[in-house]
Amino acid sequence: MNQTEAAVTLMSFIFALSITHLLQSLRDLWVDHNRVRPSASMLIWMATLLVYTFLAWFATTHQTEHGMTSAQVGLKLVAAVVTYFSCAVGSPKVPETGILDLADYENRRGAGFKVPVLFMMALSLVLNYDMRSQDAGHGLTMAEFLPSQWIVAAPVLVAVVSLWRREPWVRTICAVTLLAVATWVFLSNIDLV
C-alpha cells in the first residue's frame, strides 16, 4: 500500500464516521419523534450534508484511480476532517428528557455545520483548479477557470444567506437549493444525469 492508498483509506474511515453520525441522528430523530419539534430546514441540511459527504467520498476514490499529487492528497484529507466536523455538529442528539427543537438547534449550532461547508467549498475551488490545470497540461488563467465554478459559487452564496437570515422560509429555500445542487453534482459524477 503506497502513501496515497493509505491516505484514501484513512479518508474513507473519516467519511464513514461522518455518514454514521448523520444516520444515527436521523434514526434517533425518527425513533423519538414525539420529543422532536421538526424543522424542514434542519432536516434538509442533514440530507444535504449526507449527499456532500457521499460526493466527497466518491470524488476521492475516483481521483485515486487517476492519480493524485501529494498536495491534492493533503487537501483532500483536510476536507475529509472538515466534513466530519460539519456532519458531527449537524447531527443533533435527542436529549434524555424534554423536547429537541430543530429550528432552535439550527439557530444555536447552525454556524458549526454551515461554516465548514463554506470552507469545503473553498478547498474544492483549489482542488478543482489544480485538477483542471493538470488535465489541461498548463496553469489555467482565472478567465478560463472561474466560469466553470458556478457550481461552487452558488452553494457558497446560498450557505451565506442561510447563516445571515434566520427566517424559517429563507433557511428552508436555502437548504432545498443546496440539496438540489449537491444531488445534481453527485448524480452527474456517477454518470446518472
N, C-alpha and C. Protein backbone atom coordinates (compact mmCIF):
# COMPACT_ATOMS: atom_id res chain seq x y z
N MET A 1 0.85 -1.18 0.00
CA MET A 1 0.00 0.00 0.00
C MET A 1 0.90 1.24 0.00
N ASN A 2 0.70 2.12 -0.99
CA ASN A 2 1.50 3.34 -1.03
C ASN A 2 0.85 4.44 -0.17
N GLN A 3 1.51 5.60 -0.11
CA GLN A 3 1.02 6.68 0.75
C GLN A 3 -0.37 7.16 0.33
N THR A 4 -0.60 7.29 -0.95
CA THR A 4 -1.90 7.75 -1.42
C THR A 4 -2.99 6.77 -1.03
N GLU A 5 -2.75 5.49 -1.22
CA GLU A 5 -3.75 4.49 -0.85
C GLU A 5 -4.02 4.50 0.65
N ALA A 6 -2.96 4.67 1.45
CA ALA A 6 -3.13 4.75 2.91
C ALA A 6 -3.95 5.97 3.29
N ALA A 7 -3.68 7.11 2.65
CA ALA A 7 -4.43 8.34 2.95
C ALA A 7 -5.89 8.19 2.54
N VAL A 8 -6.13 7.57 1.40
CA VAL A 8 -7.51 7.38 0.93
C VAL A 8 -8.26 6.43 1.87
N THR A 9 -7.57 5.41 2.38
CA THR A 9 -8.19 4.51 3.35
C THR A 9 -8.57 5.27 4.61
N LEU A 10 -7.66 6.13 5.09
CA LEU A 10 -7.96 6.96 6.27
C LEU A 10 -9.15 7.88 5.98
N MET A 11 -9.16 8.50 4.80
CA MET A 11 -10.28 9.37 4.44
C MET A 11 -11.58 8.59 4.38
N SER A 12 -11.53 7.37 3.91
CA SER A 12 -12.74 6.55 3.85
C SER A 12 -13.30 6.31 5.24
N PHE A 13 -12.43 6.06 6.21
CA PHE A 13 -12.89 5.90 7.59
C PHE A 13 -13.53 7.18 8.10
N ILE A 14 -12.90 8.32 7.79
CA ILE A 14 -13.43 9.61 8.25
C ILE A 14 -14.80 9.87 7.61
N PHE A 15 -14.91 9.61 6.31
CA PHE A 15 -16.20 9.79 5.65
C PHE A 15 -17.25 8.83 6.21
N ALA A 16 -16.85 7.59 6.50
CA ALA A 16 -17.79 6.62 7.06
C ALA A 16 -18.27 7.08 8.43
N LEU A 17 -17.38 7.64 9.25
CA LEU A 17 -17.79 8.17 10.55
C LEU A 17 -18.74 9.36 10.38
N SER A 18 -18.49 10.19 9.40
CA SER A 18 -19.36 11.34 9.13
C SER A 18 -20.77 10.88 8.79
N ILE A 19 -20.85 9.90 7.90
CA ILE A 19 -22.15 9.36 7.50
C ILE A 19 -22.83 8.69 8.68
N THR A 20 -22.06 7.99 9.50
CA THR A 20 -22.62 7.32 10.68
C THR A 20 -23.25 8.33 11.63
N HIS A 21 -22.57 9.46 11.87
CA HIS A 21 -23.15 10.50 12.74
C HIS A 21 -24.51 10.94 12.22
N LEU A 22 -24.57 11.24 10.94
CA LEU A 22 -25.82 11.73 10.37
C LEU A 22 -26.92 10.67 10.42
N LEU A 23 -26.60 9.45 10.03
CA LEU A 23 -27.62 8.40 10.00
C LEU A 23 -28.10 8.05 11.41
N GLN A 24 -27.19 8.02 12.39
CA GLN A 24 -27.62 7.75 13.77
C GLN A 24 -28.52 8.86 14.28
N SER A 25 -28.18 10.09 13.95
CA SER A 25 -29.01 11.21 14.39
C SER A 25 -30.39 11.14 13.74
N LEU A 26 -30.44 10.86 12.44
CA LEU A 26 -31.73 10.73 11.77
C LEU A 26 -32.55 9.58 12.37
N ARG A 27 -31.87 8.47 12.68
CA ARG A 27 -32.56 7.35 13.33
C ARG A 27 -33.15 7.77 14.67
N ASP A 28 -32.35 8.46 15.49
CA ASP A 28 -32.81 8.90 16.81
C ASP A 28 -33.97 9.90 16.70
N LEU A 29 -33.88 10.79 15.71
CA LEU A 29 -34.97 11.75 15.50
C LEU A 29 -36.25 11.01 15.12
N TRP A 30 -36.12 9.95 14.34
CA TRP A 30 -37.28 9.16 13.93
C TRP A 30 -37.85 8.38 15.12
N VAL A 31 -36.98 7.70 15.85
CA VAL A 31 -37.43 6.87 16.97
C VAL A 31 -38.09 7.72 18.06
N ASP A 32 -37.50 8.88 18.36
CA ASP A 32 -38.02 9.76 19.42
C ASP A 32 -38.80 10.93 18.84
N HIS A 33 -39.47 10.71 17.73
CA HIS A 33 -40.16 11.81 17.03
C HIS A 33 -41.19 12.53 17.91
N ASN A 34 -41.72 11.86 18.92
CA ASN A 34 -42.71 12.52 19.79
C ASN A 34 -42.05 13.55 20.71
N ARG A 35 -40.70 13.54 20.80
CA ARG A 35 -39.99 14.53 21.60
C ARG A 35 -39.15 15.46 20.72
N VAL A 36 -39.49 15.52 19.44
CA VAL A 36 -38.75 16.36 18.50
C VAL A 36 -39.72 17.33 17.83
N ARG A 37 -39.36 18.60 17.88
CA ARG A 37 -40.11 19.62 17.14
C ARG A 37 -39.38 19.81 15.82
N PRO A 38 -39.96 19.32 14.71
CA PRO A 38 -39.22 19.29 13.44
C PRO A 38 -39.00 20.68 12.83
N SER A 39 -38.01 20.73 11.99
CA SER A 39 -37.69 21.92 11.20
C SER A 39 -37.28 21.43 9.82
N ALA A 40 -38.01 21.85 8.80
CA ALA A 40 -37.70 21.42 7.43
C ALA A 40 -36.28 21.81 7.06
N SER A 41 -35.89 23.02 7.42
CA SER A 41 -34.55 23.50 7.08
C SER A 41 -33.47 22.60 7.67
N MET A 42 -33.59 22.27 8.95
CA MET A 42 -32.56 21.46 9.60
C MET A 42 -32.53 20.05 9.02
N LEU A 43 -33.68 19.46 8.79
CA LEU A 43 -33.71 18.11 8.22
C LEU A 43 -33.13 18.08 6.80
N ILE A 44 -33.41 19.12 6.02
CA ILE A 44 -32.87 19.18 4.67
C ILE A 44 -31.37 19.42 4.71
N TRP A 45 -30.91 20.24 5.67
CA TRP A 45 -29.47 20.43 5.83
C TRP A 45 -28.79 19.10 6.14
N MET A 46 -29.41 18.29 6.98
CA MET A 46 -28.83 16.99 7.31
C MET A 46 -28.73 16.12 6.05
N ALA A 47 -29.77 16.14 5.24
CA ALA A 47 -29.75 15.38 3.98
C ALA A 47 -28.67 15.93 3.04
N THR A 48 -28.52 17.24 3.01
CA THR A 48 -27.50 17.88 2.18
C THR A 48 -26.11 17.47 2.62
N LEU A 49 -25.87 17.49 3.94
CA LEU A 49 -24.57 17.06 4.45
C LEU A 49 -24.28 15.61 4.07
N LEU A 50 -25.31 14.79 4.10
CA LEU A 50 -25.16 13.38 3.73
C LEU A 50 -24.75 13.26 2.25
N VAL A 51 -25.42 14.00 1.38
CA VAL A 51 -25.09 13.96 -0.05
C VAL A 51 -23.69 14.52 -0.30
N TYR A 52 -23.34 15.65 0.36
CA TYR A 52 -22.00 16.21 0.20
C TYR A 52 -20.92 15.22 0.65
N THR A 53 -21.19 14.50 1.71
CA THR A 53 -20.21 13.52 2.20
C THR A 53 -20.04 12.40 1.20
N PHE A 54 -21.14 11.86 0.67
CA PHE A 54 -21.03 10.84 -0.38
C PHE A 54 -20.28 11.38 -1.59
N LEU A 55 -20.59 12.61 -1.97
CA LEU A 55 -19.94 13.24 -3.12
C LEU A 55 -18.43 13.35 -2.90
N ALA A 56 -18.03 13.83 -1.73
CA ALA A 56 -16.60 13.96 -1.43
C ALA A 56 -15.91 12.60 -1.40
N TRP A 57 -16.59 11.62 -0.84
CA TRP A 57 -16.02 10.27 -0.75
C TRP A 57 -15.82 9.67 -2.14
N PHE A 58 -16.85 9.73 -2.96
CA PHE A 58 -16.74 9.17 -4.30
C PHE A 58 -15.73 9.93 -5.15
N ALA A 59 -15.68 11.24 -5.00
CA ALA A 59 -14.70 12.03 -5.75
C ALA A 59 -13.28 11.64 -5.37
N THR A 60 -13.07 11.38 -4.08
CA THR A 60 -11.74 10.98 -3.62
C THR A 60 -11.34 9.63 -4.19
N THR A 61 -12.25 8.67 -4.14
CA THR A 61 -11.91 7.34 -4.67
C THR A 61 -11.74 7.38 -6.19
N HIS A 62 -12.53 8.22 -6.87
CA HIS A 62 -12.40 8.36 -8.33
C HIS A 62 -11.05 8.97 -8.69
N GLN A 63 -10.64 10.00 -7.96
CA GLN A 63 -9.36 10.65 -8.27
C GLN A 63 -8.18 9.75 -7.96
N THR A 64 -8.34 8.84 -7.00
CA THR A 64 -7.26 7.92 -6.68
C THR A 64 -6.95 7.04 -7.89
N GLU A 65 -7.99 6.65 -8.61
CA GLU A 65 -7.79 5.82 -9.81
C GLU A 65 -7.01 6.56 -10.89
N HIS A 66 -7.14 7.91 -10.91
CA HIS A 66 -6.48 8.71 -11.93
C HIS A 66 -5.20 9.36 -11.42
N GLY A 67 -4.84 9.10 -10.17
CA GLY A 67 -3.61 9.65 -9.60
C GLY A 67 -3.81 11.01 -8.98
N MET A 68 -3.21 11.20 -7.81
CA MET A 68 -3.28 12.48 -7.12
C MET A 68 -1.88 12.89 -6.69
N THR A 69 -1.63 14.19 -6.68
CA THR A 69 -0.38 14.71 -6.17
C THR A 69 -0.42 14.71 -4.64
N SER A 70 0.71 14.89 -4.02
CA SER A 70 0.76 14.95 -2.55
C SER A 70 -0.08 16.11 -2.03
N ALA A 71 -0.03 17.24 -2.73
CA ALA A 71 -0.83 18.40 -2.30
C ALA A 71 -2.32 18.08 -2.38
N GLN A 72 -2.75 17.40 -3.42
CA GLN A 72 -4.16 17.02 -3.55
C GLN A 72 -4.57 16.07 -2.44
N VAL A 73 -3.70 15.12 -2.12
CA VAL A 73 -3.99 14.18 -1.03
C VAL A 73 -4.13 14.94 0.28
N GLY A 74 -3.20 15.86 0.54
CA GLY A 74 -3.26 16.66 1.78
C GLY A 74 -4.53 17.49 1.88
N LEU A 75 -4.90 18.16 0.78
CA LEU A 75 -6.12 18.96 0.78
C LEU A 75 -7.36 18.09 0.94
N LYS A 76 -7.35 16.93 0.30
CA LYS A 76 -8.48 16.00 0.44
C LYS A 76 -8.61 15.51 1.88
N LEU A 77 -7.48 15.28 2.55
CA LEU A 77 -7.51 14.84 3.94
C LEU A 77 -8.07 15.94 4.83
N VAL A 78 -7.66 17.18 4.59
CA VAL A 78 -8.22 18.31 5.35
C VAL A 78 -9.72 18.41 5.09
N ALA A 79 -10.12 18.27 3.84
CA ALA A 79 -11.55 18.33 3.50
C ALA A 79 -12.33 17.22 4.20
N ALA A 80 -11.75 16.03 4.31
CA ALA A 80 -12.44 14.92 5.00
C ALA A 80 -12.65 15.25 6.48
N VAL A 81 -11.63 15.83 7.11
CA VAL A 81 -11.75 16.19 8.53
C VAL A 81 -12.79 17.30 8.72
N VAL A 82 -12.79 18.28 7.84
CA VAL A 82 -13.78 19.37 7.91
C VAL A 82 -15.18 18.80 7.69
N THR A 83 -15.31 17.87 6.77
CA THR A 83 -16.60 17.21 6.53
C THR A 83 -17.07 16.50 7.79
N TYR A 84 -16.15 15.82 8.46
CA TYR A 84 -16.52 15.12 9.70
C TYR A 84 -17.07 16.10 10.73
N PHE A 85 -16.38 17.21 10.94
CA PHE A 85 -16.84 18.18 11.95
C PHE A 85 -18.20 18.76 11.57
N SER A 86 -18.38 19.04 10.29
CA SER A 86 -19.67 19.57 9.84
C SER A 86 -20.79 18.57 10.10
N CYS A 87 -20.54 17.31 9.78
CA CYS A 87 -21.55 16.27 9.99
C CYS A 87 -21.80 16.01 11.47
N ALA A 88 -20.75 16.04 12.28
CA ALA A 88 -20.90 15.80 13.72
C ALA A 88 -21.74 16.90 14.37
N VAL A 89 -21.47 18.15 14.01
CA VAL A 89 -22.24 19.26 14.57
C VAL A 89 -23.65 19.29 13.98
N GLY A 90 -23.79 18.90 12.73
CA GLY A 90 -25.09 18.88 12.06
C GLY A 90 -25.93 17.67 12.39
N SER A 91 -25.54 16.91 13.41
CA SER A 91 -26.28 15.71 13.83
C SER A 91 -26.78 15.90 15.26
N PRO A 92 -27.92 16.57 15.43
CA PRO A 92 -28.42 16.84 16.78
C PRO A 92 -28.78 15.56 17.52
N LYS A 93 -28.59 15.60 18.81
CA LYS A 93 -28.92 14.46 19.67
C LYS A 93 -30.20 14.77 20.45
N VAL A 94 -31.09 13.82 20.51
CA VAL A 94 -32.33 13.97 21.26
C VAL A 94 -31.97 13.84 22.75
N PRO A 95 -32.34 14.83 23.57
CA PRO A 95 -32.00 14.76 24.99
C PRO A 95 -32.77 13.64 25.69
N GLU A 96 -32.24 13.22 26.84
CA GLU A 96 -32.91 12.17 27.62
C GLU A 96 -34.31 12.61 28.06
N THR A 97 -34.43 13.89 28.40
CA THR A 97 -35.74 14.43 28.79
C THR A 97 -35.97 15.73 28.04
N GLY A 98 -37.21 16.08 27.88
CA GLY A 98 -37.54 17.33 27.21
C GLY A 98 -37.67 17.18 25.71
N ILE A 99 -37.82 18.31 25.06
CA ILE A 99 -38.07 18.38 23.62
C ILE A 99 -36.84 18.93 22.91
N LEU A 100 -36.54 18.36 21.77
CA LEU A 100 -35.49 18.90 20.90
C LEU A 100 -36.17 19.72 19.82
N ASP A 101 -35.94 21.02 19.81
CA ASP A 101 -36.47 21.92 18.80
C ASP A 101 -35.40 22.09 17.72
N LEU A 102 -35.63 21.51 16.55
CA LEU A 102 -34.61 21.54 15.50
C LEU A 102 -34.38 22.95 14.96
N ALA A 103 -35.39 23.79 14.92
CA ALA A 103 -35.19 25.18 14.47
C ALA A 103 -34.28 25.92 15.46
N ASP A 104 -34.50 25.70 16.75
CA ASP A 104 -33.65 26.31 17.76
C ASP A 104 -32.23 25.77 17.67
N TYR A 105 -32.10 24.47 17.41
CA TYR A 105 -30.78 23.86 17.26
C TYR A 105 -30.04 24.52 16.09
N GLU A 106 -30.72 24.72 14.99
CA GLU A 106 -30.09 25.37 13.84
C GLU A 106 -29.68 26.80 14.17
N ASN A 107 -30.53 27.51 14.93
CA ASN A 107 -30.18 28.88 15.33
C ASN A 107 -28.93 28.91 16.20
N ARG A 108 -28.83 27.95 17.13
CA ARG A 108 -27.70 27.93 18.06
C ARG A 108 -26.45 27.32 17.46
N ARG A 109 -26.60 26.26 16.68
CA ARG A 109 -25.43 25.50 16.22
C ARG A 109 -25.23 25.53 14.70
N GLY A 110 -26.07 26.27 14.00
CA GLY A 110 -26.00 26.27 12.54
C GLY A 110 -24.65 26.68 11.98
N ALA A 111 -24.03 27.67 12.60
CA ALA A 111 -22.71 28.10 12.10
C ALA A 111 -21.70 26.96 12.21
N GLY A 112 -21.89 26.08 13.19
CA GLY A 112 -20.97 24.97 13.39
C GLY A 112 -20.96 23.96 12.25
N PHE A 113 -22.05 23.86 11.50
CA PHE A 113 -22.02 22.97 10.33
C PHE A 113 -22.09 23.71 9.01
N LYS A 114 -22.48 24.99 9.02
CA LYS A 114 -22.54 25.75 7.77
C LYS A 114 -21.20 26.37 7.40
N VAL A 115 -20.47 26.89 8.38
CA VAL A 115 -19.16 27.48 8.10
C VAL A 115 -18.19 26.42 7.55
N PRO A 116 -18.15 25.20 8.10
CA PRO A 116 -17.30 24.18 7.47
C PRO A 116 -17.68 23.88 6.02
N VAL A 117 -18.96 23.98 5.68
CA VAL A 117 -19.37 23.79 4.29
C VAL A 117 -18.73 24.88 3.42
N LEU A 118 -18.70 26.11 3.92
CA LEU A 118 -18.03 27.19 3.17
C LEU A 118 -16.55 26.90 3.00
N PHE A 119 -15.93 26.38 4.06
CA PHE A 119 -14.52 26.01 3.99
C PHE A 119 -14.30 24.89 2.97
N MET A 120 -15.20 23.91 2.96
CA MET A 120 -15.10 22.81 1.98
C MET A 120 -15.22 23.35 0.55
N MET A 121 -16.09 24.33 0.36
CA MET A 121 -16.25 24.92 -0.98
C MET A 121 -14.96 25.63 -1.40
N ALA A 122 -14.31 26.34 -0.46
CA ALA A 122 -13.04 27.00 -0.78
C ALA A 122 -11.98 25.96 -1.15
N LEU A 123 -11.92 24.87 -0.39
CA LEU A 123 -10.97 23.80 -0.71
C LEU A 123 -11.28 23.19 -2.07
N SER A 124 -12.57 23.03 -2.38
CA SER A 124 -12.91 22.43 -3.67
C SER A 124 -12.50 23.33 -4.83
N LEU A 125 -12.53 24.65 -4.62
CA LEU A 125 -12.05 25.55 -5.67
C LEU A 125 -10.57 25.31 -5.95
N VAL A 126 -9.79 25.20 -4.87
CA VAL A 126 -8.35 24.95 -5.03
C VAL A 126 -8.12 23.61 -5.72
N LEU A 127 -8.81 22.58 -5.26
CA LEU A 127 -8.66 21.25 -5.87
C LEU A 127 -9.13 21.23 -7.33
N ASN A 128 -10.24 21.89 -7.60
CA ASN A 128 -10.75 21.95 -8.97
C ASN A 128 -9.75 22.64 -9.89
N TYR A 129 -9.16 23.75 -9.41
CA TYR A 129 -8.18 24.47 -10.22
C TYR A 129 -6.97 23.58 -10.50
N ASP A 130 -6.50 22.91 -9.45
CA ASP A 130 -5.33 22.05 -9.59
C ASP A 130 -5.60 20.91 -10.57
N MET A 131 -6.75 20.26 -10.44
CA MET A 131 -7.06 19.13 -11.33
C MET A 131 -7.31 19.59 -12.77
N ARG A 132 -8.00 20.71 -12.92
CA ARG A 132 -8.25 21.21 -14.30
C ARG A 132 -6.96 21.65 -14.96
N SER A 133 -6.05 22.26 -14.18
CA SER A 133 -4.75 22.65 -14.73
C SER A 133 -3.95 21.42 -15.12
N GLN A 134 -4.02 20.38 -14.29
CA GLN A 134 -3.33 19.13 -14.57
C GLN A 134 -3.87 18.50 -15.85
N ASP A 135 -5.19 18.50 -16.01
CA ASP A 135 -5.81 17.95 -17.22
C ASP A 135 -5.43 18.75 -18.47
N ALA A 136 -5.35 20.08 -18.30
CA ALA A 136 -5.02 20.94 -19.44
C ALA A 136 -3.54 20.89 -19.79
N GLY A 137 -2.71 20.46 -18.84
CA GLY A 137 -1.27 20.40 -19.08
C GLY A 137 -0.56 21.72 -18.84
N HIS A 138 -1.29 22.72 -18.35
CA HIS A 138 -0.69 24.02 -18.04
C HIS A 138 -1.58 24.73 -17.03
N GLY A 139 -1.04 25.75 -16.38
CA GLY A 139 -1.83 26.54 -15.44
C GLY A 139 -2.92 27.30 -16.17
N LEU A 140 -4.11 27.25 -15.66
CA LEU A 140 -5.24 27.95 -16.28
C LEU A 140 -5.28 29.39 -15.81
N THR A 141 -5.73 30.27 -16.69
CA THR A 141 -5.98 31.65 -16.25
C THR A 141 -7.31 31.67 -15.51
N MET A 142 -7.51 32.67 -14.70
CA MET A 142 -8.78 32.79 -13.97
C MET A 142 -9.95 32.93 -14.94
N ALA A 143 -9.71 33.58 -16.08
CA ALA A 143 -10.78 33.72 -17.09
C ALA A 143 -11.18 32.37 -17.66
N GLU A 144 -10.24 31.44 -17.73
CA GLU A 144 -10.55 30.10 -18.21
C GLU A 144 -11.22 29.25 -17.13
N PHE A 145 -10.83 29.48 -15.89
CA PHE A 145 -11.26 28.61 -14.79
C PHE A 145 -12.57 29.04 -14.14
N LEU A 146 -12.73 30.31 -13.80
CA LEU A 146 -13.86 30.75 -12.98
C LEU A 146 -15.24 30.51 -13.57
N PRO A 147 -15.46 30.68 -14.87
CA PRO A 147 -16.82 30.43 -15.38
C PRO A 147 -17.34 29.02 -15.10
N SER A 148 -16.44 28.06 -15.00
CA SER A 148 -16.88 26.69 -14.75
C SER A 148 -17.16 26.43 -13.27
N GLN A 149 -16.89 27.41 -12.42
CA GLN A 149 -17.01 27.18 -10.98
C GLN A 149 -18.30 27.77 -10.39
N TRP A 150 -19.28 28.03 -11.22
CA TRP A 150 -20.57 28.50 -10.70
C TRP A 150 -21.16 27.45 -9.76
N ILE A 151 -20.82 26.19 -9.97
CA ILE A 151 -21.35 25.09 -9.18
C ILE A 151 -20.81 25.15 -7.75
N VAL A 152 -19.72 25.87 -7.54
CA VAL A 152 -19.18 26.09 -6.20
C VAL A 152 -19.68 27.44 -5.68
N ALA A 153 -19.71 28.44 -6.53
CA ALA A 153 -20.10 29.79 -6.10
C ALA A 153 -21.56 29.84 -5.63
N ALA A 154 -22.45 29.15 -6.33
CA ALA A 154 -23.87 29.18 -5.95
C ALA A 154 -24.10 28.61 -4.55
N PRO A 155 -23.55 27.45 -4.20
CA PRO A 155 -23.73 26.96 -2.83
C PRO A 155 -23.12 27.86 -1.76
N VAL A 156 -22.00 28.51 -2.10
CA VAL A 156 -21.39 29.44 -1.14
C VAL A 156 -22.36 30.58 -0.85
N LEU A 157 -22.92 31.16 -1.88
CA LEU A 157 -23.87 32.26 -1.72
C LEU A 157 -25.08 31.81 -0.90
N VAL A 158 -25.60 30.64 -1.21
CA VAL A 158 -26.79 30.13 -0.51
C VAL A 158 -26.47 29.84 0.96
N ALA A 159 -25.30 29.27 1.24
CA ALA A 159 -24.91 28.98 2.63
C ALA A 159 -24.73 30.27 3.42
N VAL A 160 -24.18 31.30 2.79
CA VAL A 160 -24.01 32.59 3.47
C VAL A 160 -25.37 33.20 3.80
N VAL A 161 -26.30 33.14 2.86
CA VAL A 161 -27.65 33.65 3.12
C VAL A 161 -28.29 32.88 4.28
N SER A 162 -28.10 31.57 4.31
CA SER A 162 -28.66 30.74 5.38
C SER A 162 -28.05 31.08 6.74
N LEU A 163 -26.80 31.48 6.76
CA LEU A 163 -26.16 31.92 8.01
C LEU A 163 -26.67 33.30 8.44
N TRP A 164 -26.91 34.14 7.46
CA TRP A 164 -27.24 35.53 7.73
C TRP A 164 -28.70 35.71 8.11
N ARG A 165 -29.60 35.03 7.42
CA ARG A 165 -31.03 35.20 7.65
C ARG A 165 -31.55 34.08 8.55
N ARG A 166 -32.48 34.40 9.44
CA ARG A 166 -32.99 33.40 10.37
C ARG A 166 -34.46 33.04 10.13
N GLU A 167 -35.09 33.66 9.15
CA GLU A 167 -36.48 33.31 8.87
C GLU A 167 -36.55 31.87 8.37
N PRO A 168 -37.48 31.09 8.93
CA PRO A 168 -37.57 29.67 8.53
C PRO A 168 -37.76 29.47 7.02
N TRP A 169 -38.57 30.30 6.37
CA TRP A 169 -38.81 30.11 4.95
C TRP A 169 -37.55 30.37 4.13
N VAL A 170 -36.73 31.36 4.54
CA VAL A 170 -35.48 31.65 3.83
C VAL A 170 -34.52 30.48 4.00
N ARG A 171 -34.39 30.01 5.24
CA ARG A 171 -33.48 28.88 5.50
C ARG A 171 -33.94 27.61 4.79
N THR A 172 -35.23 27.40 4.69
CA THR A 172 -35.73 26.21 4.00
C THR A 172 -35.44 26.29 2.51
N ILE A 173 -35.65 27.46 1.90
CA ILE A 173 -35.34 27.63 0.48
C ILE A 173 -33.85 27.43 0.24
N CYS A 174 -33.02 27.97 1.14
CA CYS A 174 -31.57 27.79 1.01
C CYS A 174 -31.20 26.31 1.10
N ALA A 175 -31.77 25.62 2.07
CA ALA A 175 -31.46 24.20 2.26
C ALA A 175 -31.90 23.38 1.06
N VAL A 176 -33.09 23.66 0.53
CA VAL A 176 -33.58 22.92 -0.65
C VAL A 176 -32.66 23.18 -1.84
N THR A 177 -32.23 24.43 -2.00
CA THR A 177 -31.33 24.77 -3.11
C THR A 177 -30.01 24.01 -2.99
N LEU A 178 -29.44 24.00 -1.78
CA LEU A 178 -28.18 23.28 -1.58
C LEU A 178 -28.34 21.78 -1.83
N LEU A 179 -29.44 21.22 -1.36
CA LEU A 179 -29.68 19.79 -1.58
C LEU A 179 -29.83 19.50 -3.07
N ALA A 180 -30.53 20.35 -3.78
CA ALA A 180 -30.72 20.14 -5.22
C ALA A 180 -29.38 20.21 -5.96
N VAL A 181 -28.55 21.20 -5.64
CA VAL A 181 -27.25 21.33 -6.30
C VAL A 181 -26.36 20.14 -5.96
N ALA A 182 -26.30 19.79 -4.67
CA ALA A 182 -25.46 18.66 -4.24
C ALA A 182 -25.90 17.37 -4.91
N THR A 183 -27.20 17.15 -4.99
CA THR A 183 -27.73 15.93 -5.60
C THR A 183 -27.41 15.90 -7.09
N TRP A 184 -27.58 17.04 -7.76
CA TRP A 184 -27.28 17.11 -9.20
C TRP A 184 -25.80 16.83 -9.44
N VAL A 185 -24.91 17.43 -8.65
CA VAL A 185 -23.47 17.20 -8.82
C VAL A 185 -23.13 15.74 -8.54
N PHE A 186 -23.72 15.19 -7.49
CA PHE A 186 -23.46 13.78 -7.15
C PHE A 186 -23.91 12.87 -8.29
N LEU A 187 -25.13 13.06 -8.76
CA LEU A 187 -25.65 12.22 -9.85
C LEU A 187 -24.85 12.39 -11.13
N SER A 188 -24.40 13.61 -11.42
CA SER A 188 -23.59 13.81 -12.64
C SER A 188 -22.22 13.17 -12.48
N ASN A 189 -21.68 13.13 -11.25
CA ASN A 189 -20.38 12.49 -11.04
C ASN A 189 -20.44 10.97 -11.17
N ILE A 190 -21.61 10.41 -10.96
CA ILE A 190 -21.73 8.95 -11.14
C ILE A 190 -22.46 8.63 -12.46
N ASP A 191 -22.48 9.63 -13.35
CA ASP A 191 -23.00 9.48 -14.72
C ASP A 191 -24.46 9.09 -14.80
N LEU A 192 -25.28 9.62 -13.89
CA LEU A 192 -26.72 9.35 -13.96
C LEU A 192 -27.50 10.53 -14.54
N VAL A 193 -26.87 11.68 -14.70
CA VAL A 193 -27.51 12.82 -15.38
C VAL A 193 -26.56 13.42 -16.39
